[in-house]
Amino acid sequence: MYLWLNCEGWVRFGPFEWLRFDDDPRTIRDQDGEDVAWFDGADWRTLDDRYQGYQWRNPMITVSSRHPHPARG
């Protein structure tokens, strides 16, 4: 599975064995229970140093590494 997040363009995170959306707190966790992304009240954030400070929107999960809408990716 892959997690896609959008800022100025789509970025793919993964692969993951599985992903889970939790409501309280609003997080996306991987198969090990580790936070992959969390909602800070306005935007989604990630721990990945390459994307520190990014304000992500529109989380999407796919089973393919290919973006489902290539013209938008």
PDB file of N, CA and C in Angstrom:
ATOM      1  N   MET A   1       0.839  -1.166   0.000  1.00  0.00           N
ATOM      2  CA  MET A   1       0.000   0.000   0.000  1.00  0.00           C
ATOM      3  C   MET A   1       0.891   1.239   0.000  1.00  0.00           C
ATOM      4  N   TYR A   2       0.322   2.315  -0.560  1.00  0.00           N
ATOM      5  CA  TYR A   2       1.034   3.580  -0.631  1.00  0.00           C
ATOM      6  C   TYR A   2       0.127   4.698  -0.127  1.00  0.00           C
ATOM      7  N   LEU A   3       0.732   5.629   0.575  1.00  0.00           N
ATOM      8  CA  LEU A   3       0.023   6.821   1.021  1.00  0.00           C
ATOM      9  C   LEU A   3       0.447   7.960   0.117  1.00  0.00           C
ATOM     10  N   TRP A   4      -0.542   8.684  -0.409  1.00  0.00           N
ATOM     11  CA  TRP A   4      -0.301   9.856  -1.236  1.00  0.00           C
ATOM     12  C   TRP A   4      -0.802  11.074  -0.487  1.00  0.00           C
ATOM     13  N   LEU A   5       0.019  12.116  -0.455  1.00  0.00           N
ATOM     14  CA  LEU A   5      -0.372  13.392   0.148  1.00  0.00           C
ATOM     15  C   LEU A   5      -0.092  14.496  -0.856  1.00  0.00           C
ATOM     16  N   ASN A   6      -0.908  15.523  -0.829  1.00  0.00           N
ATOM     17  CA  ASN A   6      -0.802  16.615  -1.786  1.00  0.00           C
ATOM     18  C   ASN A   6      -0.413  17.902  -1.091  1.00  0.00           C
ATOM     19  N   CYS A   7       0.584  18.593  -1.638  1.00  0.00           N
ATOM     20  CA  CYS A   7       0.945  19.944  -1.197  1.00  0.00           C
ATOM     21  C   CYS A   7       0.868  20.811  -2.443  1.00  0.00           C
ATOM     22  N   GLU A   8       1.963  20.986  -3.158  1.00  0.00           N
ATOM     23  CA  GLU A   8       1.912  21.647  -4.461  1.00  0.00           C
ATOM     24  C   GLU A   8       1.842  20.608  -5.564  1.00  0.00           C
ATOM     25  N   GLY A   9       1.989  19.377  -5.191  1.00  0.00           N
ATOM     26  CA  GLY A   9       1.897  18.215  -6.071  1.00  0.00           C
ATOM     27  C   GLY A   9       1.769  16.991  -5.186  1.00  0.00           C
ATOM     28  N   TRP A  10       1.515  15.849  -5.783  1.00  0.00           N
ATOM     29  CA  TRP A  10       1.342  14.621  -5.024  1.00  0.00           C
ATOM     30  C   TRP A  10       2.684  13.982  -4.719  1.00  0.00           C
ATOM     31  N   VAL A  11       2.839  13.454  -3.491  1.00  0.00           N
ATOM     32  CA  VAL A  11       4.036  12.729  -3.083  1.00  0.00           C
ATOM     33  C   VAL A  11       3.591  11.383  -2.533  1.00  0.00           C
ATOM     34  N   ARG A  12       4.328  10.337  -2.924  1.00  0.00           N
ATOM     35  CA  ARG A  12       4.010   8.965  -2.514  1.00  0.00           C
ATOM     36  C   ARG A  12       4.908   8.563  -1.344  1.00  0.00           C
ATOM     37  N   PHE A  13       4.308   7.942  -0.336  1.00  0.00           N
ATOM     38  CA  PHE A  13       5.032   7.386   0.804  1.00  0.00           C
ATOM     39  C   PHE A  13       4.762   5.887   0.824  1.00  0.00           C
ATOM     40  N   GLY A  14       5.787   5.102   1.095  1.00  0.00           N
ATOM     41  CA  GLY A  14       5.597   3.664   1.163  1.00  0.00           C
ATOM     42  C   GLY A  14       6.670   2.956   0.358  1.00  0.00           C
ATOM     43  N   PRO A  15       6.513   1.656   0.231  1.00  0.00           N
ATOM     44  CA  PRO A  15       5.306   0.860   0.457  1.00  0.00           C
ATOM     45  C   PRO A  15       5.127   0.469   1.921  1.00  0.00           C
ATOM     46  N   PHE A  16       3.879   0.169   2.246  1.00  0.00           N
ATOM     47  CA  PHE A  16       3.487  -0.292   3.567  1.00  0.00           C
ATOM     48  C   PHE A  16       2.716  -1.602   3.412  1.00  0.00           C
ATOM     49  N   GLU A  17       2.820  -2.448   4.429  1.00  0.00           N
ATOM     50  CA  GLU A  17       2.026  -3.677   4.433  1.00  0.00           C
ATOM     51  C   GLU A  17       0.545  -3.328   4.567  1.00  0.00           C
ATOM     52  N   TRP A  18       0.262  -2.386   5.455  1.00  0.00           N
ATOM     53  CA  TRP A  18      -1.097  -1.847   5.597  1.00  0.00           C
ATOM     54  C   TRP A  18      -1.025  -0.500   6.290  1.00  0.00           C
ATOM     55  N   LEU A  19      -2.100   0.258   6.175  1.00  0.00           N
ATOM     56  CA  LEU A  19      -2.203   1.577   6.807  1.00  0.00           C
ATOM     57  C   LEU A  19      -3.539   1.672   7.522  1.00  0.00           C
ATOM     58  N   ARG A  20      -3.549   2.438   8.597  1.00  0.00           N
ATOM     59  CA  ARG A  20      -4.758   2.586   9.411  1.00  0.00           C
ATOM     60  C   ARG A  20      -4.995   4.063   9.705  1.00  0.00           C
ATOM     61  N   PHE A  21      -6.229   4.496   9.505  1.00  0.00           N
ATOM     62  CA  PHE A  21      -6.632   5.850   9.890  1.00  0.00           C
ATOM     63  C   PHE A  21      -7.204   5.787  11.302  1.00  0.00           C
ATOM     64  N   ASP A  22      -6.694   6.589  12.205  1.00  0.00           N
ATOM     65  CA  ASP A  22      -7.223   6.685  13.566  1.00  0.00           C
ATOM     66  C   ASP A  22      -7.870   8.056  13.746  1.00  0.00           C
ATOM     67  N   ASP A  23      -8.949   8.089  14.525  1.00  0.00           N
ATOM     68  CA  ASP A  23      -9.681   9.337  14.730  1.00  0.00           C
ATOM     69  C   ASP A  23      -9.181  10.178  15.897  1.00  0.00           C
ATOM     70  N   ASP A  24      -8.677   9.548  16.945  1.00  0.00           N
ATOM     71  CA  ASP A  24      -8.328  10.295  18.146  1.00  0.00           C
ATOM     72  C   ASP A  24      -6.996   9.814  18.703  1.00  0.00           C
ATOM     73  N   PRO A  25      -5.887  10.469  18.414  1.00  0.00           N
ATOM     74  CA  PRO A  25      -5.783  11.651  17.563  1.00  0.00           C
ATOM     75  C   PRO A  25      -5.844  11.257  16.092  1.00  0.00           C
ATOM     76  N   ARG A  26      -6.100  12.225  15.228  1.00  0.00           N
ATOM     77  CA  ARG A  26      -6.206  11.952  13.790  1.00  0.00           C
ATOM     78  C   ARG A  26      -4.824  11.653  13.236  1.00  0.00           C
ATOM     79  N   THR A  27      -4.575  10.371  13.007  1.00  0.00           N
ATOM     80  CA  THR A  27      -3.279   9.923  12.514  1.00  0.00           C
ATOM     81  C   THR A  27      -3.478   8.845  11.454  1.00  0.00           C
ATOM     82  N   ILE A  28      -2.426   8.630  10.680  1.00  0.00           N
ATOM     83  CA  ILE A  28      -2.339   7.498   9.766  1.00  0.00           C
ATOM     84  C   ILE A  28      -1.151   6.696  10.248  1.00  0.00           C
ATOM     85  N   ARG A  29      -1.386   5.418  10.577  1.00  0.00           N
ATOM     86  CA  ARG A  29      -0.336   4.563  11.154  1.00  0.00           C
ATOM     87  C   ARG A  29      -0.035   3.390  10.237  1.00  0.00           C
ATOM     88  N   ASP A  30       1.210   2.924  10.314  1.00  0.00           N
ATOM     89  CA  ASP A  30       1.621   1.787   9.505  1.00  0.00           C
ATOM     90  C   ASP A  30       1.418   0.475  10.248  1.00  0.00           C
ATOM     91  N   GLN A  31       1.889  -0.612   9.653  1.00  0.00           N
ATOM     92  CA  GLN A  31       1.703  -1.960  10.193  1.00  0.00           C
ATOM     93  C   GLN A  31       2.367  -2.144  11.558  1.00  0.00           C
ATOM     94  N   ASP A  32       3.345  -1.309  11.894  1.00  0.00           N
ATOM     95  CA  ASP A  32       4.020  -1.392  13.189  1.00  0.00           C
ATOM     96  C   ASP A  32       3.405  -0.455  14.224  1.00  0.00           C
ATOM     97  N   GLY A  33       2.328   0.229  13.845  1.00  0.00           N
ATOM     98  CA  GLY A  33       1.687   1.173  14.754  1.00  0.00           C
ATOM     99  C   GLY A  33       2.377   2.517  14.817  1.00  0.00           C
ATOM    100  N   GLU A  34       3.343   2.744  13.920  1.00  0.00           N
ATOM    101  CA  GLU A  34       4.079   4.005  13.890  1.00  0.00           C
ATOM    102  C   GLU A  34       3.298   5.052  13.098  1.00  0.00           C
ATOM    103  N   ASP A  35       3.354   6.301  13.560  1.00  0.00           N
ATOM    104  CA  ASP A  35       2.700   7.384  12.835  1.00  0.00           C
ATOM    105  C   ASP A  35       3.414   7.634  11.511  1.00  0.00           C
ATOM    106  N   VAL A  36       2.654   7.646  10.440  1.00  0.00           N
ATOM    107  CA  VAL A  36       3.173   8.004   9.126  1.00  0.00           C
ATOM    108  C   VAL A  36       2.819   9.461   8.855  1.00  0.00           C
ATOM    109  N   ALA A  37       1.616   9.854   9.269  1.00  0.00           N
ATOM    110  CA  ALA A  37       1.158  11.237   9.113  1.00  0.00           C
ATOM    111  C   ALA A  37       0.159  11.537  10.219  1.00  0.00           C
ATOM    112  N   TRP A  38       0.036  12.820  10.573  1.00  0.00           N
ATOM    113  CA  TRP A  38      -0.943  13.216  11.579  1.00  0.00           C
ATOM    114  C   TRP A  38      -1.536  14.558  11.187  1.00  0.00           C
ATOM    115  N   PHE A  39      -2.744  14.803  11.647  1.00  0.00           N
ATOM    116  CA  PHE A  39      -3.460  16.039  11.347  1.00  0.00           C
ATOM    117  C   PHE A  39      -3.256  17.001  12.499  1.00  0.00           C
ATOM    118  N   ASP A  40      -2.777  18.210  12.194  1.00  0.00           N
ATOM    119  CA  ASP A  40      -2.466  19.180  13.250  1.00  0.00           C
ATOM    120  C   ASP A  40      -3.604  20.164  13.515  1.00  0.00           C
ATOM    121  N   GLY A  41      -4.774  19.884  12.947  1.00  0.00           N
ATOM    122  CA  GLY A  41      -5.913  20.770  13.107  1.00  0.00           C
ATOM    123  C   GLY A  41      -6.197  21.588  11.864  1.00  0.00           C
ATOM    124  N   ALA A  42      -5.179  21.727  11.007  1.00  0.00           N
ATOM    125  CA  ALA A  42      -5.346  22.474   9.751  1.00  0.00           C
ATOM    126  C   ALA A  42      -4.832  21.675   8.558  1.00  0.00           C
ATOM    127  N   ASP A  43      -3.715  20.963   8.742  1.00  0.00           N
ATOM    128  CA  ASP A  43      -3.061  20.233   7.651  1.00  0.00           C
ATOM    129  C   ASP A  43      -2.498  18.913   8.164  1.00  0.00           C
ATOM    130  N   TRP A  44      -2.130  18.037   7.238  1.00  0.00           N
ATOM    131  CA  TRP A  44      -1.449  16.792   7.587  1.00  0.00           C
ATOM    132  C   TRP A  44       0.050  17.047   7.614  1.00  0.00           C
ATOM    133  N   ARG A  45       0.761  16.376   8.510  1.00  0.00           N
ATOM    134  CA  ARG A  45       2.219  16.489   8.665  1.00  0.00           C
ATOM    135  C   ARG A  45       2.833  15.100   8.615  1.00  0.00           C
ATOM    136  N   THR A  46       4.127  15.034   8.270  1.00  0.00           N
ATOM    137  CA  THR A  46       4.860  13.766   8.252  1.00  0.00           C
ATOM    138  C   THR A  46       6.177  13.931   9.007  1.00  0.00           C
ATOM    139  N   LEU A  47       6.772  12.794   9.376  1.00  0.00           N
ATOM    140  CA  LEU A  47       8.064  12.803  10.065  1.00  0.00           C
ATOM    141  C   LEU A  47       9.239  12.841   9.098  1.00  0.00           C
ATOM    142  N   ASP A  48       8.994  12.597   7.825  1.00  0.00           N
ATOM    143  CA  ASP A  48      10.055  12.526   6.826  1.00  0.00           C
ATOM    144  C   ASP A  48      10.803  13.864   6.757  1.00  0.00           C
ATOM    145  N   ASP A  49      12.111  13.850   7.033  1.00  0.00           N
ATOM    146  CA  ASP A  49      12.923  15.074   7.051  1.00  0.00           C
ATOM    147  C   ASP A  49      12.893  15.827   5.726  1.00  0.00           C
ATOM    148  N   ARG A  50      12.723  15.102   4.613  1.00  0.00           N
ATOM    149  CA  ARG A  50      12.694  15.761   3.302  1.00  0.00           C
ATOM    150  C   ARG A  50      11.493  16.690   3.164  1.00  0.00           C
ATOM    151  N   TYR A  51      10.459  16.445   3.963  1.00  0.00           N
ATOM    152  CA  TYR A  51       9.220  17.206   3.822  1.00  0.00           C
ATOM    153  C   TYR A  51       8.855  17.964   5.090  1.00  0.00           C
ATOM    154  N   GLN A  52       9.861  18.293   5.880  1.00  0.00           N
ATOM    155  CA  GLN A  52       9.629  19.040   7.106  1.00  0.00           C
ATOM    156  C   GLN A  52       9.018  20.399   6.769  1.00  0.00           C
ATOM    157  N   GLY A  53       7.927  20.732   7.424  1.00  0.00           N
ATOM    158  CA  GLY A  53       7.267  22.001   7.188  1.00  0.00           C
ATOM    159  C   GLY A  53       6.209  21.973   6.103  1.00  0.00           C
ATOM    160  N   TYR A  54       6.102  20.844   5.373  1.00  0.00           N
ATOM    161  CA  TYR A  54       5.070  20.753   4.340  1.00  0.00           C
ATOM    162  C   TYR A  54       3.699  20.697   4.990  1.00  0.00           C
ATOM    163  N   GLN A  55       2.740  21.301   4.347  1.00  0.00           N
ATOM    164  CA  GLN A  55       1.354  21.301   4.815  1.00  0.00           C
ATOM    165  C   GLN A  55       0.542  20.473   3.835  1.00  0.00           C
ATOM    166  N   TRP A  56       0.389  19.192   4.161  1.00  0.00           N
ATOM    167  CA  TRP A  56      -0.246  18.234   3.272  1.00  0.00           C
ATOM    168  C   TRP A  56      -1.767  18.303   3.348  1.00  0.00           C
ATOM    169  N   ARG A  57      -2.395  17.928   2.231  1.00  0.00           N
ATOM    170  CA  ARG A  57      -3.849  17.819   2.137  1.00  0.00           C
ATOM    171  C   ARG A  57      -4.205  16.509   1.436  1.00  0.00           C
ATOM    172  N   ASN A  58      -5.467  16.166   1.499  1.00  0.00           N
ATOM    173  CA  ASN A  58      -6.058  15.094   0.683  1.00  0.00           C
ATOM    174  C   ASN A  58      -5.349  13.749   0.767  1.00  0.00           C
ATOM    175  N   PRO A  59      -5.203  13.140   1.941  1.00  0.00           N
ATOM    176  CA  PRO A  59      -4.558  11.836   1.998  1.00  0.00           C
ATOM    177  C   PRO A  59      -5.345  10.812   1.174  1.00  0.00           C
ATOM    178  N   MET A  60      -4.600   9.982   0.445  1.00  0.00           N
ATOM    179  CA  MET A  60      -5.196   8.959  -0.398  1.00  0.00           C
ATOM    180  C   MET A  60      -4.330   7.710  -0.297  1.00  0.00           C
ATOM    181  N   ILE A  61      -4.954   6.552  -0.255  1.00  0.00           N
ATOM    182  CA  ILE A  61      -4.230   5.282  -0.180  1.00  0.00           C
ATOM    183  C   ILE A  61      -4.506   4.486  -1.449  1.00  0.00           C
ATOM    184  N   THR A  62      -3.428   3.903  -2.013  1.00  0.00           N
ATOM    185  CA  THR A  62      -3.564   3.040  -3.182  1.00  0.00           C
ATOM    186  C   THR A  62      -2.792   1.746  -2.941  1.00  0.00           C
ATOM    187  N   VAL A  63      -3.087   0.729  -3.737  1.00  0.00           N
ATOM    188  CA  VAL A  63      -2.334  -0.519  -3.654  1.00  0.00           C
ATOM    189  C   VAL A  63      -1.238  -0.558  -4.712  1.00  0.00           C
ATOM    190  N   SER A  64      -1.252   0.388  -5.625  1.00  0.00           N
ATOM    191  CA  SER A  64      -0.250   0.481  -6.685  1.00  0.00           C
ATOM    192  C   SER A  64       0.668   1.670  -6.420  1.00  0.00           C
ATOM    193  N   SER A  65       1.900   1.572  -6.894  1.00  0.00           N
ATOM    194  CA  SER A  65       2.833   2.690  -6.750  1.00  0.00           C
ATOM    195  C   SER A  65       2.576   3.769  -7.793  1.00  0.00           C
ATOM    196  N   ARG A  66       1.651   3.512  -8.684  1.00  0.00           N
ATOM    197  CA  ARG A  66       1.302   4.476  -9.731  1.00  0.00           C
ATOM    198  C   ARG A  66       0.129   5.330  -9.269  1.00  0.00           C
ATOM    199  N   HIS A  67       0.266   6.646  -9.438  1.00  0.00           N
ATOM    200  CA  HIS A  67      -0.812   7.551  -9.023  1.00  0.00           C
ATOM    201  C   HIS A  67      -2.065   7.220  -9.835  1.00  0.00           C
ATOM    202  N   PRO A  68      -3.228   7.162  -9.182  1.00  0.00           N
ATOM    203  CA  PRO A  68      -4.452   6.779  -9.892  1.00  0.00           C
ATOM    204  C   PRO A  68      -4.916   7.814 -10.913  1.00  0.00           C
ATOM    205  N   HIS A  69      -4.442   9.040 -10.816  1.00  0.00           N
ATOM    206  CA  HIS A  69      -4.760  10.096 -11.768  1.00  0.00           C
ATOM    207  C   HIS A  69      -3.457  10.713 -12.269  1.00  0.00           C
ATOM    208  N   PRO A  70      -2.742  10.028 -13.181  1.00  0.00           N
ATOM    209  CA  PRO A  70      -1.402  10.482 -13.584  1.00  0.00           C
ATOM    210  C   PRO A  70      -1.338  11.926 -14.068  1.00  0.00           C
ATOM    211  N   ALA A  71      -2.390  12.426 -14.657  1.00  0.00           N
ATOM    212  CA  ALA A  71      -2.368  13.799 -15.148  1.00  0.00           C
ATOM    213  C   ALA A  71      -2.317  14.804 -14.001  1.00  0.00           C
ATOM    214  N   ARG A  72      -2.674  14.352 -12.806  1.00  0.00           N
ATOM    215  CA  ARG A  72      -2.640  15.224 -11.628  1.00  0.00           C
ATOM    216  C   ARG A  72      -1.403  15.024 -10.785  1.00  0.00           C
ATOM    217  N   GLY A  73      -0.641  13.968 -11.012  1.00  0.00           N
ATOM    218  CA  GLY A  73       0.458  13.592 -10.162  1.00  0.00           C
ATOM    219  C   GLY A  73       1.735  14.260 -10.477  1.00  0.00           C
TER     220      GLY A  73
END
